[in-house]
């Protein structure tokens, strides 16, 4: 399973989700499902915007968790 670590990265950087919407132009519902780790897919342009604004790498936002280890 792939776990989205957006919530942790935002907390670490002191950025609120609503501010990230303004900074990236990514729609609130998209960020909300990512924050709740219930997103089914992440378009590369969304990942690119997040990495650019948050000054991070995709690996900072995504984590592989083997089955049964969550």
PDB file of N, CA and C in Angstrom:
ATOM      1  N   UNK A   1       0.848  -1.171   0.000  1.00  0.00           N
ATOM      2  CA  UNK A   1       0.000   0.000   0.000  1.00  0.00           C
ATOM      3  C   UNK A   1       0.897   1.239   0.000  1.00  0.00           C
ATOM      4  N   UNK A   2       0.465   2.251  -0.692  1.00  0.00           N
ATOM      5  CA  UNK A   2       1.171   3.518  -0.692  1.00  0.00           C
ATOM      6  C   UNK A   2       0.434   4.472   0.261  1.00  0.00           C
ATOM      7  N   UNK A   3       1.163   5.026   1.195  1.00  0.00           N
ATOM      8  CA  UNK A   3       0.593   5.968   2.162  1.00  0.00           C
ATOM      9  C   UNK A   3       1.030   7.378   1.777  1.00  0.00           C
ATOM     10  N   UNK A   4       0.077   8.304   1.814  1.00  0.00           N
ATOM     11  CA  UNK A   4       0.344   9.711   1.518  1.00  0.00           C
ATOM     12  C   UNK A   4       0.720  10.402   2.827  1.00  0.00           C
ATOM     13  N   UNK A   5       1.859  11.102   2.817  1.00  0.00           N
ATOM     14  CA  UNK A   5       2.339  11.757   4.033  1.00  0.00           C
ATOM     15  C   UNK A   5       2.158  13.284   3.972  1.00  0.00           C
ATOM     16  N   UNK A   6       1.197  13.733   3.178  1.00  0.00           N
ATOM     17  CA  UNK A   6       0.992  15.171   3.003  1.00  0.00           C
ATOM     18  C   UNK A   6       0.694  15.869   4.323  1.00  0.00           C
ATOM     19  N   UNK A   7      -0.154  15.279   5.137  1.00  0.00           N
ATOM     20  CA  UNK A   7      -0.519  15.903   6.409  1.00  0.00           C
ATOM     21  C   UNK A   7       0.712  16.140   7.281  1.00  0.00           C
ATOM     22  N   UNK A   8       1.596  15.153   7.346  1.00  0.00           N
ATOM     23  CA  UNK A   8       2.812  15.273   8.156  1.00  0.00           C
ATOM     24  C   UNK A   8       3.747  16.340   7.596  1.00  0.00           C
ATOM     25  N   UNK A   9       3.873  16.391   6.268  1.00  0.00           N
ATOM     26  CA  UNK A   9       4.754  17.384   5.648  1.00  0.00           C
ATOM     27  C   UNK A   9       4.213  18.795   5.895  1.00  0.00           C
ATOM     28  N   UNK A  10       2.901  18.961   5.777  1.00  0.00           N
ATOM     29  CA  UNK A  10       2.299  20.271   6.037  1.00  0.00           C
ATOM     30  C   UNK A  10       2.516  20.688   7.488  1.00  0.00           C
ATOM     31  N   UNK A  11       2.343  19.758   8.414  1.00  0.00           N
ATOM     32  CA  UNK A  11       2.538  20.070   9.831  1.00  0.00           C
ATOM     33  C   UNK A  11       3.993  20.452  10.095  1.00  0.00           C
ATOM     34  N   UNK A  12       4.902  19.718   9.489  1.00  0.00           N
ATOM     35  CA  UNK A  12       6.328  19.983   9.670  1.00  0.00           C
ATOM     36  C   UNK A  12       6.718  21.369   9.154  1.00  0.00           C
ATOM     37  N   UNK A  13       6.080  21.791   8.065  1.00  0.00           N
ATOM     38  CA  UNK A  13       6.411  23.077   7.454  1.00  0.00           C
ATOM     39  C   UNK A  13       5.516  24.212   7.956  1.00  0.00           C
ATOM     40  N   UNK A  14       4.539  23.887   8.802  1.00  0.00           N
ATOM     41  CA  UNK A  14       3.657  24.901   9.357  1.00  0.00           C
ATOM     42  C   UNK A  14       2.728  25.526   8.325  1.00  0.00           C
ATOM     43  N   UNK A  15       2.290  24.719   7.367  1.00  0.00           N
ATOM     44  CA  UNK A  15       1.402  25.210   6.304  1.00  0.00           C
ATOM     45  C   UNK A  15       0.031  24.586   6.493  1.00  0.00           C
ATOM     46  N   UNK A  16      -0.999  25.405   6.413  1.00  0.00           N
ATOM     47  CA  UNK A  16      -2.369  24.911   6.517  1.00  0.00           C
ATOM     48  C   UNK A  16      -2.853  24.487   5.135  1.00  0.00           C
ATOM     49  N   UNK A  17      -3.777  23.548   5.128  1.00  0.00           N
ATOM     50  CA  UNK A  17      -4.299  23.022   3.874  1.00  0.00           C
ATOM     51  C   UNK A  17      -4.899  24.133   3.011  1.00  0.00           C
ATOM     52  N   UNK A  18      -5.625  25.056   3.612  1.00  0.00           N
ATOM     53  CA  UNK A  18      -6.239  26.139   2.828  1.00  0.00           C
ATOM     54  C   UNK A  18      -5.172  27.039   2.210  1.00  0.00           C
ATOM     55  N   UNK A  19      -4.042  27.197   2.894  1.00  0.00           N
ATOM     56  CA  UNK A  19      -2.946  27.979   2.331  1.00  0.00           C
ATOM     57  C   UNK A  19      -2.300  27.243   1.162  1.00  0.00           C
ATOM     58  N   UNK A  20      -2.214  25.923   1.270  1.00  0.00           N
ATOM     59  CA  UNK A  20      -1.658  25.134   0.187  1.00  0.00           C
ATOM     60  C   UNK A  20      -2.526  25.232  -1.070  1.00  0.00           C
ATOM     61  N   UNK A  21      -3.826  25.300  -0.882  1.00  0.00           N
ATOM     62  CA  UNK A  21      -4.743  25.490  -2.016  1.00  0.00           C
ATOM     63  C   UNK A  21      -4.380  26.779  -2.748  1.00  0.00           C
ATOM     64  N   UNK A  22      -4.195  27.852  -2.008  1.00  0.00           N
ATOM     65  CA  UNK A  22      -3.856  29.148  -2.604  1.00  0.00           C
ATOM     66  C   UNK A  22      -2.474  29.128  -3.255  1.00  0.00           C
ATOM     67  N   UNK A  23      -1.544  28.427  -2.656  1.00  0.00           N
ATOM     68  CA  UNK A  23      -0.171  28.392  -3.150  1.00  0.00           C
ATOM     69  C   UNK A  23      -0.009  27.542  -4.410  1.00  0.00           C
ATOM     70  N   UNK A  24      -0.832  26.489  -4.536  1.00  0.00           N
ATOM     71  CA  UNK A  24      -0.664  25.540  -5.639  1.00  0.00           C
ATOM     72  C   UNK A  24      -1.739  25.631  -6.715  1.00  0.00           C
ATOM     73  N   UNK A  25      -2.923  26.102  -6.341  1.00  0.00           N
ATOM     74  CA  UNK A  25      -4.036  26.084  -7.279  1.00  0.00           C
ATOM     75  C   UNK A  25      -4.715  24.721  -7.360  1.00  0.00           C
ATOM     76  N   UNK A  26      -4.274  23.794  -6.506  1.00  0.00           N
ATOM     77  CA  UNK A  26      -4.890  22.467  -6.458  1.00  0.00           C
ATOM     78  C   UNK A  26      -6.210  22.601  -5.704  1.00  0.00           C
ATOM     79  N   UNK A  27      -7.252  21.963  -6.218  1.00  0.00           N
ATOM     80  CA  UNK A  27      -8.584  22.079  -5.614  1.00  0.00           C
ATOM     81  C   UNK A  27      -8.599  21.493  -4.193  1.00  0.00           C
ATOM     82  N   UNK A  28      -9.395  22.122  -3.345  1.00  0.00           N
ATOM     83  CA  UNK A  28      -9.545  21.698  -1.943  1.00  0.00           C
ATOM     84  C   UNK A  28      -9.933  20.226  -1.820  1.00  0.00           C
ATOM     85  N   UNK A  29     -10.919  19.743  -2.599  1.00  0.00           N
ATOM     86  CA  UNK A  29     -11.283  18.323  -2.456  1.00  0.00           C
ATOM     87  C   UNK A  29     -10.128  17.375  -2.775  1.00  0.00           C
ATOM     88  N   UNK A  30      -9.296  17.729  -3.732  1.00  0.00           N
ATOM     89  CA  UNK A  30      -8.144  16.897  -4.080  1.00  0.00           C
ATOM     90  C   UNK A  30      -7.176  16.818  -2.912  1.00  0.00           C
ATOM     91  N   UNK A  31      -6.863  17.961  -2.313  1.00  0.00           N
ATOM     92  CA  UNK A  31      -5.947  17.972  -1.167  1.00  0.00           C
ATOM     93  C   UNK A  31      -6.563  17.280   0.037  1.00  0.00           C
ATOM     94  N   UNK A  32      -7.857  17.401   0.191  1.00  0.00           N
ATOM     95  CA  UNK A  32      -8.539  16.789   1.330  1.00  0.00           C
ATOM     96  C   UNK A  32      -8.433  15.263   1.280  1.00  0.00           C
ATOM     97  N   UNK A  33      -8.672  14.669   0.108  1.00  0.00           N
ATOM     98  CA  UNK A  33      -8.571  13.204   0.024  1.00  0.00           C
ATOM     99  C   UNK A  33      -7.123  12.745   0.165  1.00  0.00           C
ATOM    100  N   UNK A  34      -6.182  13.589  -0.259  1.00  0.00           N
ATOM    101  CA  UNK A  34      -4.776  13.248  -0.058  1.00  0.00           C
ATOM    102  C   UNK A  34      -4.430  13.312   1.426  1.00  0.00           C
ATOM    103  N   UNK A  35      -4.920  14.343   2.101  1.00  0.00           N
ATOM    104  CA  UNK A  35      -4.663  14.488   3.536  1.00  0.00           C
ATOM    105  C   UNK A  35      -5.238  13.325   4.332  1.00  0.00           C
ATOM    106  N   UNK A  36      -6.369  12.805   3.873  1.00  0.00           N
ATOM    107  CA  UNK A  36      -7.035  11.699   4.566  1.00  0.00           C
ATOM    108  C   UNK A  36      -6.538  10.338   4.087  1.00  0.00           C
ATOM    109  N   UNK A  37      -5.553  10.357   3.191  1.00  0.00           N
ATOM    110  CA  UNK A  37      -4.960   9.141   2.651  1.00  0.00           C
ATOM    111  C   UNK A  37      -5.989   8.240   1.976  1.00  0.00           C
ATOM    112  N   UNK A  38      -6.982   8.848   1.338  1.00  0.00           N
ATOM    113  CA  UNK A  38      -8.010   8.061   0.654  1.00  0.00           C
ATOM    114  C   UNK A  38      -8.038   8.337  -0.847  1.00  0.00           C
ATOM    115  N   UNK A  39      -6.978   8.887  -1.366  1.00  0.00           N
ATOM    116  CA  UNK A  39      -6.893   9.198  -2.789  1.00  0.00           C
ATOM    117  C   UNK A  39      -6.603   7.908  -3.565  1.00  0.00           C
ATOM    118  N   UNK A  40      -7.203   7.772  -4.741  1.00  0.00           N
ATOM    119  CA  UNK A  40      -7.020   6.584  -5.580  1.00  0.00           C
ATOM    120  C   UNK A  40      -5.862   6.748  -6.550  1.00  0.00           C
ATOM    121  N   UNK A  41      -5.619   7.985  -6.994  1.00  0.00           N
ATOM    122  CA  UNK A  41      -4.494   8.259  -7.884  1.00  0.00           C
ATOM    123  C   UNK A  41      -4.057   9.709  -7.701  1.00  0.00           C
ATOM    124  N   UNK A  42      -2.816   9.975  -8.049  1.00  0.00           N
ATOM    125  CA  UNK A  42      -2.285  11.332  -7.959  1.00  0.00           C
ATOM    126  C   UNK A  42      -1.710  11.689  -9.326  1.00  0.00           C
ATOM    127  N   UNK A  43      -2.325  12.626 -10.013  1.00  0.00           N
ATOM    128  CA  UNK A  43      -1.768  13.060 -11.299  1.00  0.00           C
ATOM    129  C   UNK A  43      -0.369  13.638 -11.103  1.00  0.00           C
ATOM    130  N   UNK A  44       0.506  13.410 -12.057  1.00  0.00           N
ATOM    131  CA  UNK A  44       1.882  13.887 -11.935  1.00  0.00           C
ATOM    132  C   UNK A  44       1.968  15.397 -11.817  1.00  0.00           C
ATOM    133  N   UNK A  45       1.040  16.126 -12.459  1.00  0.00           N
ATOM    134  CA  UNK A  45       1.088  17.592 -12.346  1.00  0.00           C
ATOM    135  C   UNK A  45       0.775  18.037 -10.921  1.00  0.00           C
ATOM    136  N   UNK A  46      -0.081  17.314 -10.224  1.00  0.00           N
ATOM    137  CA  UNK A  46      -0.396  17.629  -8.828  1.00  0.00           C
ATOM    138  C   UNK A  46       0.832  17.354  -7.964  1.00  0.00           C
ATOM    139  N   UNK A  47       1.461  16.211  -8.173  1.00  0.00           N
ATOM    140  CA  UNK A  47       2.660  15.872  -7.420  1.00  0.00           C
ATOM    141  C   UNK A  47       3.768  16.887  -7.692  1.00  0.00           C
ATOM    142  N   UNK A  48       3.893  17.309  -8.933  1.00  0.00           N
ATOM    143  CA  UNK A  48       4.886  18.317  -9.302  1.00  0.00           C
ATOM    144  C   UNK A  48       4.640  19.641  -8.577  1.00  0.00           C
ATOM    145  N   UNK A  49       3.392  20.092  -8.552  1.00  0.00           N
ATOM    146  CA  UNK A  49       3.057  21.351  -7.862  1.00  0.00           C
ATOM    147  C   UNK A  49       3.355  21.256  -6.371  1.00  0.00           C
ATOM    148  N   UNK A  50       2.990  20.122  -5.765  1.00  0.00           N
ATOM    149  CA  UNK A  50       3.239  19.946  -4.331  1.00  0.00           C
ATOM    150  C   UNK A  50       4.731  19.967  -4.026  1.00  0.00           C
ATOM    151  N   UNK A  51       5.503  19.248  -4.816  1.00  0.00           N
ATOM    152  CA  UNK A  51       6.954  19.204  -4.584  1.00  0.00           C
ATOM    153  C   UNK A  51       7.589  20.577  -4.792  1.00  0.00           C
ATOM    154  N   UNK A  52       7.104  21.313  -5.778  1.00  0.00           N
ATOM    155  CA  UNK A  52       7.648  22.642  -6.042  1.00  0.00           C
ATOM    156  C   UNK A  52       7.365  23.584  -4.878  1.00  0.00           C
ATOM    157  N   UNK A  53       6.121  23.651  -4.468  1.00  0.00           N
ATOM    158  CA  UNK A  53       5.715  24.585  -3.409  1.00  0.00           C
ATOM    159  C   UNK A  53       6.270  24.174  -2.047  1.00  0.00           C
ATOM    160  N   UNK A  54       6.295  22.877  -1.777  1.00  0.00           N
ATOM    161  CA  UNK A  54       6.756  22.396  -0.471  1.00  0.00           C
ATOM    162  C   UNK A  54       8.270  22.166  -0.442  1.00  0.00           C
ATOM    163  N   UNK A  55       8.915  22.383  -1.574  1.00  0.00           N
ATOM    164  CA  UNK A  55      10.371  22.201  -1.689  1.00  0.00           C
ATOM    165  C   UNK A  55      10.775  20.824  -1.160  1.00  0.00           C
ATOM    166  N   UNK A  56      10.188  19.797  -1.773  1.00  0.00           N
ATOM    167  CA  UNK A  56      10.458  18.436  -1.338  1.00  0.00           C
ATOM    168  C   UNK A  56      10.537  17.502  -2.540  1.00  0.00           C
ATOM    169  N   UNK A  57      10.828  16.259  -2.269  1.00  0.00           N
ATOM    170  CA  UNK A  57      10.874  15.215  -3.278  1.00  0.00           C
ATOM    171  C   UNK A  57       9.610  14.357  -3.159  1.00  0.00           C
ATOM    172  N   UNK A  58       9.214  13.654  -4.244  1.00  0.00           N
ATOM    173  CA  UNK A  58       8.041  12.783  -4.145  1.00  0.00           C
ATOM    174  C   UNK A  58       8.139  11.786  -2.981  1.00  0.00           C
ATOM    175  N   UNK A  59       9.332  11.301  -2.701  1.00  0.00           N
ATOM    176  CA  UNK A  59       9.508  10.346  -1.594  1.00  0.00           C
ATOM    177  C   UNK A  59       9.185  10.956  -0.237  1.00  0.00           C
ATOM    178  N   UNK A  60       9.215  12.288  -0.145  1.00  0.00           N
ATOM    179  CA  UNK A  60       8.838  12.944   1.105  1.00  0.00           C
ATOM    180  C   UNK A  60       7.322  12.900   1.309  1.00  0.00           C
ATOM    181  N   UNK A  61       6.583  12.717   0.221  1.00  0.00           N
ATOM    182  CA  UNK A  61       5.122  12.726   0.272  1.00  0.00           C
ATOM    183  C   UNK A  61       4.504  11.331   0.207  1.00  0.00           C
ATOM    184  N   UNK A  62       5.270  10.359  -0.250  1.00  0.00           N
ATOM    185  CA  UNK A  62       4.751   9.010  -0.456  1.00  0.00           C
ATOM    186  C   UNK A  62       5.582   8.002   0.320  1.00  0.00           C
ATOM    187  N   UNK A  63       4.906   6.991   0.855  1.00  0.00           N
ATOM    188  CA  UNK A  63       5.595   5.949   1.603  1.00  0.00           C
ATOM    189  C   UNK A  63       4.995   4.595   1.241  1.00  0.00           C
ATOM    190  N   UNK A  64       5.832   3.625   0.936  1.00  0.00           N
ATOM    191  CA  UNK A  64       5.369   2.271   0.668  1.00  0.00           C
ATOM    192  C   UNK A  64       5.294   1.512   1.977  1.00  0.00           C
ATOM    193  N   UNK A  65       4.116   0.939   2.250  1.00  0.00           N
ATOM    194  CA  UNK A  65       3.910   0.142   3.454  1.00  0.00           C
ATOM    195  C   UNK A  65       3.494  -1.260   3.001  1.00  0.00           C
ATOM    196  N   UNK A  66       4.336  -2.264   3.226  1.00  0.00           N
ATOM    197  CA  UNK A  66       3.980  -3.628   2.817  1.00  0.00           C
ATOM    198  C   UNK A  66       2.666  -4.067   3.465  1.00  0.00           C
ATOM    199  N   UNK A  67       1.925  -4.937   2.774  1.00  0.00           N
ATOM    200  CA  UNK A  67       0.651  -5.443   3.300  1.00  0.00           C
ATOM    201  C   UNK A  67       0.842  -6.020   4.689  1.00  0.00           C
ATOM    202  N   UNK A  68      -0.074  -5.683   5.582  1.00  0.00           N
ATOM    203  CA  UNK A  68      -0.034  -6.182   6.943  1.00  0.00           C
ATOM    204  C   UNK A  68       0.866  -5.399   7.873  1.00  0.00           C
ATOM    205  N   UNK A  69       1.515  -4.344   7.376  1.00  0.00           N
ATOM    206  CA  UNK A  69       2.438  -3.560   8.192  1.00  0.00           C
ATOM    207  C   UNK A  69       1.886  -2.187   8.553  1.00  0.00           C
ATOM    208  N   UNK A  70       0.631  -1.930   8.263  1.00  0.00           N
ATOM    209  CA  UNK A  70       0.059  -0.608   8.537  1.00  0.00           C
ATOM    210  C   UNK A  70      -0.521  -0.612   9.909  1.00  0.00           C
TER     211      UNK A  70
END
